[in-house]
Amino acid sequence: MIALLCSVDIEASLLLERTASSSEASAIGSKTMASRSLAGQKVLICAGGMGKVNAAHAATLMITQARPEALIIFGIGGAYPSSGAKVGDIAVAREEIAGDEGVLTHEGFKDTQYIGIPLLKMAASGIYNNYPASEHLLQQALGTLTAGWPAGAVHAGSFVTLSTCTGTRERARELEQRYGALCENMEGAAAAHVAISHGIPWLEVRGISNIVEDRDLASWDIPGAARAAQLAVIQILEAWRP
């Protein structure tokens, strides 16, 4: 089974439409998970809610209840201006960065390595702010998507997870300079943290809904980005190799 985690219903609606009609749904607390068959794979789909707490809660429930072979995080994201990504493009995470965790000093923001306390302690090492994606799943996804999407429409890079999404060009430039990232979101690092802590490989795929700049919803395409992300997930599942 493969766990598929997004934040809101619009990000999962196409997947639920495409799945086999016979299904099982279970509710644990505020989270509802649907067991389905999709693209030849058994999947567990959950729209877990917006933000890091909801993502971590949903990922923990999915992993402890189903013990999936992998977790795919998907949905929409905002691309940074220098990334080269356009609205409607696909972004795949090489790593997730916990962009808020750290300390603000007179010299600027410092991450948790500066503090000296890792966010996740492993047996032989610790993770501070950067969560690497599964290299096997990443390369498999990129090979599949690059062959199936127009040239230049699939991007891979660092994702930044923030509690406060960026709504000004000034803040976008600051984050680009700090992280050199492709795009931002509000859930990915939290779900990646849970997956790694349970030994579950993870992958993250997002459709680009907007360019991160002065907030202007008229220039966004949330439905198109949500659809793009779900189509990408379907393609990945169709070519799935454990």
Protein backbone atom coordinates (compact mmCIF):
# COMPACT_ATOMS: atom_id res chain seq x y z
CA MET A 1 0.00 0.00 0.00
CA ILE A 2 1.11 3.56 -0.77
CA ALA A 3 -0.05 6.45 1.43
CA LEU A 4 -1.13 9.60 -0.42
CA LEU A 5 -1.32 12.72 1.72
CA CYS A 6 -2.53 16.21 0.77
CA SER A 7 -4.01 19.04 2.79
CA VAL A 8 -7.44 19.97 1.38
CA ASP A 9 -10.21 18.23 -0.56
CA ILE A 10 -9.60 19.92 -3.93
CA GLU A 11 -6.12 18.40 -3.96
CA ALA A 12 -7.55 14.86 -3.76
CA SER A 13 -10.83 15.13 -5.70
CA LEU A 14 -9.48 13.86 -9.03
CA LEU A 15 -7.76 10.88 -7.39
CA LEU A 16 -10.96 9.90 -5.61
CA GLU A 17 -12.90 10.16 -8.89
CA ARG A 18 -10.37 7.93 -10.65
CA THR A 19 -10.29 5.20 -8.00
CA ALA A 20 -12.24 1.94 -8.02
CA SER A 21 -15.82 2.33 -6.81
CA SER A 22 -15.51 -0.22 -4.01
CA SER A 23 -13.64 1.38 -1.15
CA GLU A 24 -13.29 1.57 2.57
CA ALA A 25 -13.16 4.81 4.52
CA SER A 26 -12.17 5.14 8.15
CA ALA A 27 -12.20 8.13 10.47
CA ILE A 28 -9.77 8.59 13.33
CA GLY A 29 -10.35 11.80 15.20
CA SER A 30 -10.66 14.56 12.62
CA LYS A 31 -8.94 12.60 9.85
CA THR A 32 -10.69 10.47 7.22
CA MET A 33 -8.67 7.97 5.19
CA ALA A 34 -9.95 6.19 2.07
CA SER A 35 -8.53 2.81 1.04
CA ARG A 36 -8.73 2.61 -2.74
CA SER A 37 -7.24 1.02 -5.84
CA LEU A 38 -5.60 3.54 -8.16
CA ALA A 39 -3.42 3.01 -11.24
CA GLY A 40 -2.91 -0.61 -10.32
CA GLN A 41 -1.82 0.17 -6.76
CA LYS A 42 -3.48 -0.10 -3.37
CA VAL A 43 -3.50 3.38 -1.89
CA LEU A 44 -4.61 5.14 1.26
CA ILE A 45 -5.74 8.70 0.54
CA CYS A 46 -6.09 11.44 3.14
CA ALA A 47 -6.72 15.19 2.92
CA GLY A 48 -5.25 15.85 6.33
CA GLY A 49 -5.75 19.59 6.72
CA MET A 50 -3.66 22.71 6.27
CA GLY A 51 -0.41 23.28 8.11
CA LYS A 52 2.35 21.35 9.82
CA VAL A 53 0.40 20.04 12.81
CA ASN A 54 -2.35 18.57 10.62
CA ALA A 55 0.21 17.07 8.24
CA ALA A 56 2.19 15.44 11.03
CA HIS A 57 -0.98 14.11 12.66
CA ALA A 58 -2.32 12.66 9.40
CA ALA A 59 1.03 11.15 8.39
CA THR A 60 1.41 9.52 11.80
CA LEU A 61 -2.05 7.97 11.60
CA MET A 62 -1.54 6.71 8.05
CA ILE A 63 1.84 5.17 8.83
CA THR A 64 0.87 3.56 12.13
CA GLN A 65 -2.46 2.26 10.83
CA ALA A 66 -1.37 0.98 7.40
CA ARG A 67 2.43 0.72 7.51
CA PRO A 68 2.66 1.76 3.82
CA GLU A 69 5.66 1.02 1.64
CA ALA A 70 5.95 4.74 0.85
CA LEU A 71 4.37 8.11 1.55
CA ILE A 72 3.64 10.50 -1.31
CA ILE A 73 2.93 14.07 -0.23
CA PHE A 74 1.14 16.06 -2.93
CA GLY A 75 -0.84 19.23 -3.56
CA ILE A 76 -0.22 22.81 -4.62
CA GLY A 77 2.75 25.07 -3.95
CA GLY A 78 4.08 28.53 -4.72
CA ALA A 79 7.24 28.80 -6.84
CA TYR A 80 9.92 31.33 -6.04
CA PRO A 81 10.50 33.98 -8.72
CA SER A 82 13.99 32.80 -9.71
CA SER A 83 13.07 29.11 -9.86
CA GLY A 84 12.08 29.12 -13.53
CA ALA A 85 8.83 27.31 -12.71
CA LYS A 86 5.54 28.57 -14.13
CA VAL A 87 1.97 28.28 -12.94
CA GLY A 88 0.73 24.80 -13.87
CA ASP A 89 4.20 23.21 -13.82
CA ILE A 90 5.15 20.22 -11.68
CA ALA A 91 7.68 20.38 -8.84
CA VAL A 92 9.32 17.37 -7.17
CA ALA A 93 11.21 17.71 -3.88
CA ARG A 94 14.85 16.70 -3.59
CA GLU A 95 14.56 17.69 0.05
CA GLU A 96 12.20 19.47 2.41
CA ILE A 97 13.45 22.34 4.54
CA ALA A 98 11.78 23.33 7.81
CA GLY A 99 11.94 27.03 7.06
CA ASP A 100 10.62 28.42 10.37
CA GLU A 101 12.52 26.37 12.92
CA GLY A 102 15.47 28.25 14.36
CA VAL A 103 16.26 31.54 16.08
CA LEU A 104 16.17 35.17 14.93
CA THR A 105 19.38 36.96 15.92
CA HIS A 106 20.87 40.40 15.26
CA GLU A 107 22.74 38.71 12.40
CA GLY A 108 19.50 37.35 10.96
CA PHE A 109 17.77 33.95 10.99
CA LYS A 110 19.79 30.94 12.17
CA ASP A 111 18.65 27.33 11.80
CA THR A 112 18.55 24.58 14.39
CA GLN A 113 22.13 23.51 13.66
CA TYR A 114 23.20 26.91 14.98
CA ILE A 115 21.20 26.19 18.14
CA GLY A 116 22.76 22.73 18.33
CA ILE A 117 19.52 20.76 18.73
CA PRO A 118 18.37 18.51 15.86
CA LEU A 119 14.67 18.40 14.99
CA LEU A 120 14.90 14.62 14.58
CA LYS A 121 17.40 12.41 16.37
CA MET A 122 18.39 9.28 14.46
CA ALA A 123 20.42 6.32 15.75
CA ALA A 124 23.67 7.53 14.20
CA SER A 125 22.96 11.17 13.34
CA GLY A 126 20.43 13.96 13.53
CA ILE A 127 18.33 15.98 11.12
CA TYR A 128 18.33 19.69 11.70
CA ASN A 129 16.26 21.58 9.09
CA ASN A 130 16.79 19.51 5.92
CA TYR A 131 14.88 16.29 5.22
CA PRO A 132 16.19 14.40 2.14
CA ALA A 133 13.66 12.65 -0.07
CA SER A 134 14.08 9.01 -1.02
CA GLU A 135 16.61 9.04 -3.86
CA HIS A 136 15.08 5.91 -5.42
CA LEU A 137 11.57 7.35 -5.46
CA LEU A 138 12.84 10.73 -6.62
CA GLN A 139 14.71 9.36 -9.62
CA GLN A 140 11.85 7.05 -10.53
CA ALA A 141 9.36 9.93 -10.39
CA LEU A 142 11.54 12.30 -12.39
CA GLY A 143 12.07 9.70 -15.11
CA THR A 144 8.35 9.06 -15.36
CA LEU A 145 7.24 12.69 -15.27
CA THR A 146 9.93 14.05 -17.59
CA ALA A 147 8.78 11.60 -20.24
CA GLY A 148 5.12 12.48 -19.77
CA TRP A 149 5.09 16.29 -19.49
CA PRO A 150 6.16 19.03 -21.90
CA ALA A 151 9.84 19.98 -21.92
CA GLY A 152 10.65 22.35 -19.07
CA ALA A 153 7.44 21.69 -17.15
CA VAL A 154 8.94 19.36 -14.52
CA HIS A 155 11.30 20.80 -11.91
CA ALA A 156 13.23 19.26 -9.03
CA GLY A 157 14.72 21.13 -6.11
CA SER A 158 14.45 22.08 -2.46
CA PHE A 159 11.04 22.79 -0.97
CA VAL A 160 10.54 25.08 2.02
CA THR A 161 7.78 24.46 4.56
CA LEU A 162 6.51 27.53 6.37
CA SER A 163 3.74 28.21 8.87
CA THR A 164 3.15 31.61 7.25
CA CYS A 165 3.00 31.50 3.47
CA THR A 166 4.85 34.29 1.70
CA GLY A 167 2.85 37.24 0.37
CA THR A 168 5.48 39.86 -0.51
CA ARG A 169 8.31 40.05 -3.05
CA GLU A 170 10.70 41.19 -0.32
CA ARG A 171 10.07 38.09 1.79
CA ALA A 172 10.30 35.86 -1.31
CA ARG A 173 13.75 37.29 -2.12
CA GLU A 174 14.87 36.75 1.48
CA LEU A 175 13.83 33.08 1.43
CA GLU A 176 15.34 32.49 -2.00
CA GLN A 177 18.67 33.88 -0.84
CA ARG A 178 18.57 31.83 2.36
CA TYR A 179 17.52 28.47 0.92
CA GLY A 180 17.99 28.55 -2.86
CA ALA A 181 14.66 26.75 -3.01
CA LEU A 182 12.25 25.91 -5.81
CA CYS A 183 8.94 26.41 -4.03
CA GLU A 184 7.18 26.68 -0.69
CA ASN A 185 4.28 24.98 1.04
CA MET A 186 2.83 24.58 4.53
CA GLU A 187 2.98 20.82 5.20
CA GLY A 188 5.80 18.91 3.51
CA ALA A 189 8.60 19.02 6.08
CA ALA A 190 6.27 17.90 8.86
CA ALA A 191 5.11 14.85 6.90
CA ALA A 192 8.68 14.09 5.82
CA HIS A 193 9.78 14.25 9.47
CA VAL A 194 7.19 11.64 10.43
CA ALA A 195 8.01 9.39 7.46
CA ILE A 196 11.75 9.40 8.18
CA SER A 197 11.21 8.82 11.88
CA HIS A 198 9.21 5.66 11.02
CA GLY A 199 11.61 4.47 8.31
CA ILE A 200 9.13 5.08 5.47
CA PRO A 201 10.47 6.38 2.12
CA TRP A 202 8.81 9.62 1.05
CA LEU A 203 8.28 11.63 -2.10
CA GLU A 204 6.65 15.04 -2.62
CA VAL A 205 4.98 16.30 -5.80
CA ARG A 206 3.31 19.70 -6.18
CA GLY A 207 1.54 21.60 -8.89
CA ILE A 208 2.57 25.25 -9.05
CA SER A 209 -0.43 27.44 -8.25
CA ASN A 210 1.35 30.80 -8.13
CA ILE A 211 4.63 32.64 -8.20
CA VAL A 212 5.64 33.82 -4.72
CA GLU A 213 5.46 37.62 -4.88
CA ASP A 214 3.11 40.37 -3.69
CA ARG A 215 -0.08 38.42 -3.01
CA ASP A 216 -2.51 38.60 -5.96
CA LEU A 217 -5.04 35.77 -6.05
CA ALA A 218 -6.16 36.82 -9.53
CA SER A 219 -2.88 35.46 -10.90
CA TRP A 220 -3.21 32.11 -9.12
CA ASP A 221 -4.61 28.86 -10.55
CA ILE A 222 -5.38 26.60 -7.61
CA PRO A 223 -7.73 24.19 -9.45
CA GLY A 224 -5.25 23.79 -12.32
CA ALA A 225 -2.32 23.22 -9.97
CA ALA A 226 -4.27 20.71 -7.89
CA ARG A 227 -5.23 18.81 -11.03
CA ALA A 228 -1.63 18.84 -12.31
CA ALA A 229 -0.32 17.43 -9.03
CA GLN A 230 -2.89 14.63 -9.06
CA LEU A 231 -2.18 13.73 -12.68
CA ALA A 232 1.50 13.54 -11.77
CA VAL A 233 0.71 11.21 -8.85
CA ILE A 234 -1.30 8.95 -11.16
CA GLN A 235 1.60 8.78 -13.63
CA ILE A 236 4.01 7.93 -10.83
CA LEU A 237 1.74 5.16 -9.60
CA GLU A 238 1.29 3.73 -13.10
CA ALA A 239 5.07 3.34 -13.40
CA TRP A 240 5.60 2.32 -9.77
CA ARG A 241 8.55 0.03 -9.08
CA PRO A 242 9.07 -0.89 -5.41
